[in-house]
Amino acid sequence: MGLIDSMKAALASPAPTERPDDGSQGAFWCDDCEVRIRDVDLEGNPVCPECGTEMRFERATGRHCAC
């Protein structure tokens, strides 16, 4: 497949879907370990599984990040 064909295929493929509509409002972050856990994936207290410190919550803004 040539470059032109590759570009045509990439432009013709469907756009990736947006974030899943599972009720997530954001994610919990550990600044020390750089661990991210979505709020819907966490049960109980937001504690980092690697270092044990409390994680902070950041609300999703719709920009494909929780900043």
PDB file of N, CA and C in Angstrom:
ATOM      1  N   MET A   1       0.862  -1.178   0.000  1.00  0.00           N
ATOM      2  CA  MET A   1       0.000   0.000   0.000  1.00  0.00           C
ATOM      3  C   MET A   1       0.900   1.229   0.000  1.00  0.00           C
ATOM      4  N   GLY A   2       0.643   2.140  -0.922  1.00  0.00           N
ATOM      5  CA  GLY A   2       1.447   3.335  -1.023  1.00  0.00           C
ATOM      6  C   GLY A   2       1.021   4.393  -0.016  1.00  0.00           C
ATOM      7  N   LEU A   3       1.737   5.456  -0.011  1.00  0.00           N
ATOM      8  CA  LEU A   3       1.472   6.549   0.925  1.00  0.00           C
ATOM      9  C   LEU A   3       0.085   7.142   0.713  1.00  0.00           C
ATOM     10  N   ILE A   4      -0.283   7.367  -0.530  1.00  0.00           N
ATOM     11  CA  ILE A   4      -1.602   7.944  -0.828  1.00  0.00           C
ATOM     12  C   ILE A   4      -2.712   7.008  -0.352  1.00  0.00           C
ATOM     13  N   ASP A   5      -2.560   5.711  -0.632  1.00  0.00           N
ATOM     14  CA  ASP A   5      -3.560   4.739  -0.193  1.00  0.00           C
ATOM     15  C   ASP A   5      -3.642   4.684   1.330  1.00  0.00           C
ATOM     16  N   SER A   6      -2.511   4.774   1.992  1.00  0.00           N
ATOM     17  CA  SER A   6      -2.492   4.771   3.458  1.00  0.00           C
ATOM     18  C   SER A   6      -3.226   5.983   4.016  1.00  0.00           C
ATOM     19  N   MET A   7      -3.002   7.137   3.419  1.00  0.00           N
ATOM     20  CA  MET A   7      -3.668   8.361   3.868  1.00  0.00           C
ATOM     21  C   MET A   7      -5.177   8.271   3.634  1.00  0.00           C
ATOM     22  N   LYS A   8      -5.577   7.744   2.479  1.00  0.00           N
ATOM     23  CA  LYS A   8      -7.000   7.587   2.192  1.00  0.00           C
ATOM     24  C   LYS A   8      -7.653   6.645   3.196  1.00  0.00           C
ATOM     25  N   ALA A   9      -6.976   5.549   3.516  1.00  0.00           N
ATOM     26  CA  ALA A   9      -7.520   4.578   4.470  1.00  0.00           C
ATOM     27  C   ALA A   9      -7.638   5.196   5.863  1.00  0.00           C
ATOM     28  N   ALA A  10      -6.638   5.977   6.259  1.00  0.00           N
ATOM     29  CA  ALA A  10      -6.668   6.605   7.582  1.00  0.00           C
ATOM     30  C   ALA A  10      -7.791   7.632   7.681  1.00  0.00           C
ATOM     31  N   LEU A  11      -8.000   8.398   6.618  1.00  0.00           N
ATOM     32  CA  LEU A  11      -9.052   9.407   6.630  1.00  0.00           C
ATOM     33  C   LEU A  11     -10.438   8.802   6.504  1.00  0.00           C
ATOM     34  N   ALA A  12     -10.545   7.634   5.902  1.00  0.00           N
ATOM     35  CA  ALA A  12     -11.840   6.992   5.716  1.00  0.00           C
ATOM     36  C   ALA A  12     -12.272   6.173   6.928  1.00  0.00           C
ATOM     37  N   SER A  13     -11.328   5.819   7.795  1.00  0.00           N
ATOM     38  CA  SER A  13     -11.687   4.995   8.952  1.00  0.00           C
ATOM     39  C   SER A  13     -12.505   5.816   9.942  1.00  0.00           C
ATOM     40  N   PRO A  14     -13.393   5.155  10.661  1.00  0.00           N
ATOM     41  CA  PRO A  14     -14.254   5.891  11.603  1.00  0.00           C
ATOM     42  C   PRO A  14     -13.441   6.540  12.716  1.00  0.00           C
ATOM     43  N   ALA A  15     -13.936   7.661  13.176  1.00  0.00           N
ATOM     44  CA  ALA A  15     -13.273   8.369  14.268  1.00  0.00           C
ATOM     45  C   ALA A  15     -13.375   7.553  15.543  1.00  0.00           C
ATOM     46  N   PRO A  16     -12.359   7.639  16.403  1.00  0.00           N
ATOM     47  CA  PRO A  16     -12.438   6.912  17.666  1.00  0.00           C
ATOM     48  C   PRO A  16     -13.610   7.421  18.494  1.00  0.00           C
ATOM     49  N   THR A  17     -14.182   6.534  19.245  1.00  0.00           N
ATOM     50  CA  THR A  17     -15.326   6.921  20.067  1.00  0.00           C
ATOM     51  C   THR A  17     -14.872   7.787  21.233  1.00  0.00           C
ATOM     52  N   GLU A  18     -15.778   8.560  21.718  1.00  0.00           N
ATOM     53  CA  GLU A  18     -15.489   9.411  22.872  1.00  0.00           C
ATOM     54  C   GLU A  18     -15.378   8.546  24.120  1.00  0.00           C
ATOM     55  N   ARG A  19     -15.146   9.201  25.235  1.00  0.00           N
ATOM     56  CA  ARG A  19     -15.050   8.491  26.500  1.00  0.00           C
ATOM     57  C   ARG A  19     -16.307   7.668  26.736  1.00  0.00           C
ATOM     58  N   PRO A  20     -16.168   6.532  27.378  1.00  0.00           N
ATOM     59  CA  PRO A  20     -17.357   5.722  27.657  1.00  0.00           C
ATOM     60  C   PRO A  20     -18.300   6.454  28.607  1.00  0.00           C
ATOM     61  N   ASP A  21     -19.581   6.259  28.399  1.00  0.00           N
ATOM     62  CA  ASP A  21     -20.576   6.902  29.251  1.00  0.00           C
ATOM     63  C   ASP A  21     -20.875   5.976  30.430  1.00  0.00           C
ATOM     64  N   ASP A  22     -19.917   5.865  31.337  1.00  0.00           N
ATOM     65  CA  ASP A  22     -20.075   4.974  32.478  1.00  0.00           C
ATOM     66  C   ASP A  22     -20.250   5.733  33.791  1.00  0.00           C
ATOM     67  N   GLY A  23     -20.500   7.039  33.698  1.00  0.00           N
ATOM     68  CA  GLY A  23     -20.726   7.833  34.893  1.00  0.00           C
ATOM     69  C   GLY A  23     -19.470   8.396  35.513  1.00  0.00           C
ATOM     70  N   SER A  24     -18.327   8.207  34.890  1.00  0.00           N
ATOM     71  CA  SER A  24     -17.076   8.713  35.443  1.00  0.00           C
ATOM     72  C   SER A  24     -17.071  10.234  35.437  1.00  0.00           C
ATOM     73  N   GLN A  25     -16.627  10.792  36.534  1.00  0.00           N
ATOM     74  CA  GLN A  25     -16.516  12.243  36.653  1.00  0.00           C
ATOM     75  C   GLN A  25     -15.063  12.710  36.627  1.00  0.00           C
ATOM     76  N   GLY A  26     -14.124  11.788  36.619  1.00  0.00           N
ATOM     77  CA  GLY A  26     -12.715  12.151  36.615  1.00  0.00           C
ATOM     78  C   GLY A  26     -11.868  10.995  37.109  1.00  0.00           C
ATOM     79  N   ALA A  27     -10.722  11.324  37.707  1.00  0.00           N
ATOM     80  CA  ALA A  27      -9.796  10.294  38.164  1.00  0.00           C
ATOM     81  C   ALA A  27      -9.081  10.752  39.418  1.00  0.00           C
ATOM     82  N   PHE A  28      -8.599   9.779  40.163  1.00  0.00           N
ATOM     83  CA  PHE A  28      -7.763  10.050  41.323  1.00  0.00           C
ATOM     84  C   PHE A  28      -6.312   9.875  40.902  1.00  0.00           C
ATOM     85  N   TRP A  29      -5.452  10.782  41.383  1.00  0.00           N
ATOM     86  CA  TRP A  29      -4.044  10.797  40.997  1.00  0.00           C
ATOM     87  C   TRP A  29      -3.146  10.737  42.215  1.00  0.00           C
ATOM     88  N   CYS A  30      -2.030  10.025  42.080  1.00  0.00           N
ATOM     89  CA  CYS A  30      -0.962  10.073  43.074  1.00  0.00           C
ATOM     90  C   CYS A  30       0.173  10.836  42.413  1.00  0.00           C
ATOM     91  N   ASP A  31       0.461  12.008  42.941  1.00  0.00           N
ATOM     92  CA  ASP A  31       1.505  12.840  42.337  1.00  0.00           C
ATOM     93  C   ASP A  31       2.893  12.237  42.501  1.00  0.00           C
ATOM     94  N   ASP A  32       3.110  11.500  43.588  1.00  0.00           N
ATOM     95  CA  ASP A  32       4.429  10.918  43.821  1.00  0.00           C
ATOM     96  C   ASP A  32       4.728   9.764  42.876  1.00  0.00           C
ATOM     97  N   CYS A  33       3.757   8.889  42.693  1.00  0.00           N
ATOM     98  CA  CYS A  33       3.962   7.681  41.872  1.00  0.00           C
ATOM     99  C   CYS A  33       3.451   7.840  40.445  1.00  0.00           C
ATOM    100  N   GLU A  34       2.727   8.916  40.165  1.00  0.00           N
ATOM    101  CA  GLU A  34       2.109   9.148  38.870  1.00  0.00           C
ATOM    102  C   GLU A  34       1.140   8.027  38.512  1.00  0.00           C
ATOM    103  N   VAL A  35       0.395   7.562  39.512  1.00  0.00           N
ATOM    104  CA  VAL A  35      -0.622   6.529  39.318  1.00  0.00           C
ATOM    105  C   VAL A  35      -1.958   7.217  39.120  1.00  0.00           C
ATOM    106  N   ARG A  36      -2.743   6.753  38.161  1.00  0.00           N
ATOM    107  CA  ARG A  36      -4.066   7.306  37.871  1.00  0.00           C
ATOM    108  C   ARG A  36      -5.090   6.187  37.949  1.00  0.00           C
ATOM    109  N   ILE A  37      -6.166   6.421  38.696  1.00  0.00           N
ATOM    110  CA  ILE A  37      -7.252   5.459  38.794  1.00  0.00           C
ATOM    111  C   ILE A  37      -8.555   6.210  38.550  1.00  0.00           C
ATOM    112  N   ARG A  38      -9.308   5.791  37.544  1.00  0.00           N
ATOM    113  CA  ARG A  38     -10.592   6.439  37.264  1.00  0.00           C
ATOM    114  C   ARG A  38     -11.518   6.235  38.455  1.00  0.00           C
ATOM    115  N   ASP A  39     -12.359   7.213  38.704  1.00  0.00           N
ATOM    116  CA  ASP A  39     -13.234   7.149  39.870  1.00  0.00           C
ATOM    117  C   ASP A  39     -14.179   5.959  39.835  1.00  0.00           C
ATOM    118  N   VAL A  40     -14.588   5.513  38.666  1.00  0.00           N
ATOM    119  CA  VAL A  40     -15.496   4.369  38.579  1.00  0.00           C
ATOM    120  C   VAL A  40     -14.766   3.037  38.769  1.00  0.00           C
ATOM    121  N   ASP A  41     -13.442   3.060  38.709  1.00  0.00           N
ATOM    122  CA  ASP A  41     -12.653   1.844  38.893  1.00  0.00           C
ATOM    123  C   ASP A  41     -12.155   1.686  40.326  1.00  0.00           C
ATOM    124  N   LEU A  42     -12.461   2.644  41.176  1.00  0.00           N
ATOM    125  CA  LEU A  42     -11.947   2.646  42.544  1.00  0.00           C
ATOM    126  C   LEU A  42     -13.062   2.311  43.512  1.00  0.00           C
ATOM    127  N   GLU A  43     -12.778   1.406  44.409  1.00  0.00           N
ATOM    128  CA  GLU A  43     -13.723   1.086  45.470  1.00  0.00           C
ATOM    129  C   GLU A  43     -13.081   1.466  46.797  1.00  0.00           C
ATOM    130  N   GLY A  44     -13.808   2.173  47.617  1.00  0.00           N
ATOM    131  CA  GLY A  44     -13.277   2.569  48.918  1.00  0.00           C
ATOM    132  C   GLY A  44     -12.516   3.881  48.860  1.00  0.00           C
ATOM    133  N   ASN A  45     -11.599   4.038  49.798  1.00  0.00           N
ATOM    134  CA  ASN A  45     -10.832   5.279  49.917  1.00  0.00           C
ATOM    135  C   ASN A  45      -9.825   5.409  48.782  1.00  0.00           C
ATOM    136  N   PRO A  46      -9.633   6.636  48.303  1.00  0.00           N
ATOM    137  CA  PRO A  46      -8.655   6.852  47.227  1.00  0.00           C
ATOM    138  C   PRO A  46      -7.230   6.852  47.770  1.00  0.00           C
ATOM    139  N   VAL A  47      -6.665   5.659  47.919  1.00  0.00           N
ATOM    140  CA  VAL A  47      -5.306   5.503  48.425  1.00  0.00           C
ATOM    141  C   VAL A  47      -4.474   4.862  47.332  1.00  0.00           C
ATOM    142  N   CYS A  48      -3.289   5.402  47.118  1.00  0.00           N
ATOM    143  CA  CYS A  48      -2.398   4.895  46.077  1.00  0.00           C
ATOM    144  C   CYS A  48      -2.020   3.446  46.377  1.00  0.00           C
ATOM    145  N   PRO A  49      -2.184   2.554  45.399  1.00  0.00           N
ATOM    146  CA  PRO A  49      -1.832   1.155  45.622  1.00  0.00           C
ATOM    147  C   PRO A  49      -0.326   0.918  45.704  1.00  0.00           C
ATOM    148  N   GLU A  50       0.474   1.892  45.269  1.00  0.00           N
ATOM    149  CA  GLU A  50       1.921   1.710  45.276  1.00  0.00           C
ATOM    150  C   GLU A  50       2.591   2.261  46.530  1.00  0.00           C
ATOM    151  N   CYS A  51       2.156   3.467  46.976  1.00  0.00           N
ATOM    152  CA  CYS A  51       2.848   4.072  48.125  1.00  0.00           C
ATOM    153  C   CYS A  51       1.948   4.256  49.349  1.00  0.00           C
ATOM    154  N   GLY A  52       0.637   4.087  49.180  1.00  0.00           N
ATOM    155  CA  GLY A  52      -0.266   4.166  50.324  1.00  0.00           C
ATOM    156  C   GLY A  52      -0.709   5.563  50.727  1.00  0.00           C
ATOM    157  N   THR A  53      -0.324   6.589  49.970  1.00  0.00           N
ATOM    158  CA  THR A  53      -0.745   7.939  50.313  1.00  0.00           C
ATOM    159  C   THR A  53      -2.103   8.246  49.688  1.00  0.00           C
ATOM    160  N   GLU A  54      -2.783   9.226  50.256  1.00  0.00           N
ATOM    161  CA  GLU A  54      -4.096   9.607  49.737  1.00  0.00           C
ATOM    162  C   GLU A  54      -3.940  10.244  48.361  1.00  0.00           C
ATOM    163  N   MET A  55      -4.842   9.880  47.459  1.00  0.00           N
ATOM    164  CA  MET A  55      -4.803  10.399  46.096  1.00  0.00           C
ATOM    165  C   MET A  55      -5.725  11.602  45.987  1.00  0.00           C
ATOM    166  N   ARG A  56      -5.430  12.504  45.046  1.00  0.00           N
ATOM    167  CA  ARG A  56      -6.277  13.675  44.847  1.00  0.00           C
ATOM    168  C   ARG A  56      -7.176  13.452  43.640  1.00  0.00           C
ATOM    169  N   PHE A  57      -8.350  14.078  43.683  1.00  0.00           N
ATOM    170  CA  PHE A  57      -9.335  13.911  42.619  1.00  0.00           C
ATOM    171  C   PHE A  57      -9.216  15.051  41.631  1.00  0.00           C
ATOM    172  N   GLU A  58      -9.270  14.720  40.355  1.00  0.00           N
ATOM    173  CA  GLU A  58      -9.302  15.723  39.303  1.00  0.00           C
ATOM    174  C   GLU A  58     -10.461  15.395  38.385  1.00  0.00           C
ATOM    175  N   ARG A  59     -11.296  16.376  38.188  1.00  0.00           N
ATOM    176  CA  ARG A  59     -12.496  16.216  37.372  1.00  0.00           C
ATOM    177  C   ARG A  59     -12.132  16.238  35.893  1.00  0.00           C
ATOM    178  N   ALA A  60     -12.789  15.376  35.124  1.00  0.00           N
ATOM    179  CA  ALA A  60     -12.578  15.328  33.676  1.00  0.00           C
ATOM    180  C   ALA A  60     -13.157  16.581  33.038  1.00  0.00           C
ATOM    181  N   THR A  61     -12.452  17.097  32.050  1.00  0.00           N
ATOM    182  CA  THR A  61     -12.882  18.312  31.376  1.00  0.00           C
ATOM    183  C   THR A  61     -13.384  18.054  29.966  1.00  0.00           C
ATOM    184  N   GLY A  62     -13.327  16.799  29.523  1.00  0.00           N
ATOM    185  CA  GLY A  62     -13.733  16.494  28.163  1.00  0.00           C
ATOM    186  C   GLY A  62     -12.625  16.661  27.153  1.00  0.00           C
ATOM    187  N   ARG A  63     -11.411  16.959  27.623  1.00  0.00           N
ATOM    188  CA  ARG A  63     -10.276  17.114  26.726  1.00  0.00           C
ATOM    189  C   ARG A  63      -9.401  15.871  26.733  1.00  0.00           C
ATOM    190  N   HIS A  64      -9.984  14.715  27.038  1.00  0.00           N
ATOM    191  CA  HIS A  64      -9.282  13.441  27.089  1.00  0.00           C
ATOM    192  C   HIS A  64      -8.201  13.434  28.166  1.00  0.00           C
ATOM    193  N   CYS A  65      -8.411  14.205  29.194  1.00  0.00           N
ATOM    194  CA  CYS A  65      -7.510  14.165  30.346  1.00  0.00           C
ATOM    195  C   CYS A  65      -8.309  14.560  31.573  1.00  0.00           C
ATOM    196  N   ALA A  66      -7.743  14.391  32.705  1.00  0.00           N
ATOM    197  CA  ALA A  66      -8.420  14.756  33.956  1.00  0.00           C
ATOM    198  C   ALA A  66      -7.721  15.959  34.570  1.00  0.00           C
ATOM    199  N   CYS A  67      -7.375  16.919  33.738  1.00  0.00           N
ATOM    200  CA  CYS A  67      -6.669  18.079  34.257  1.00  0.00           C
ATOM    201  C   CYS A  67      -7.603  19.271  34.402  1.00  0.00           C
TER     202      CYS A  67
END
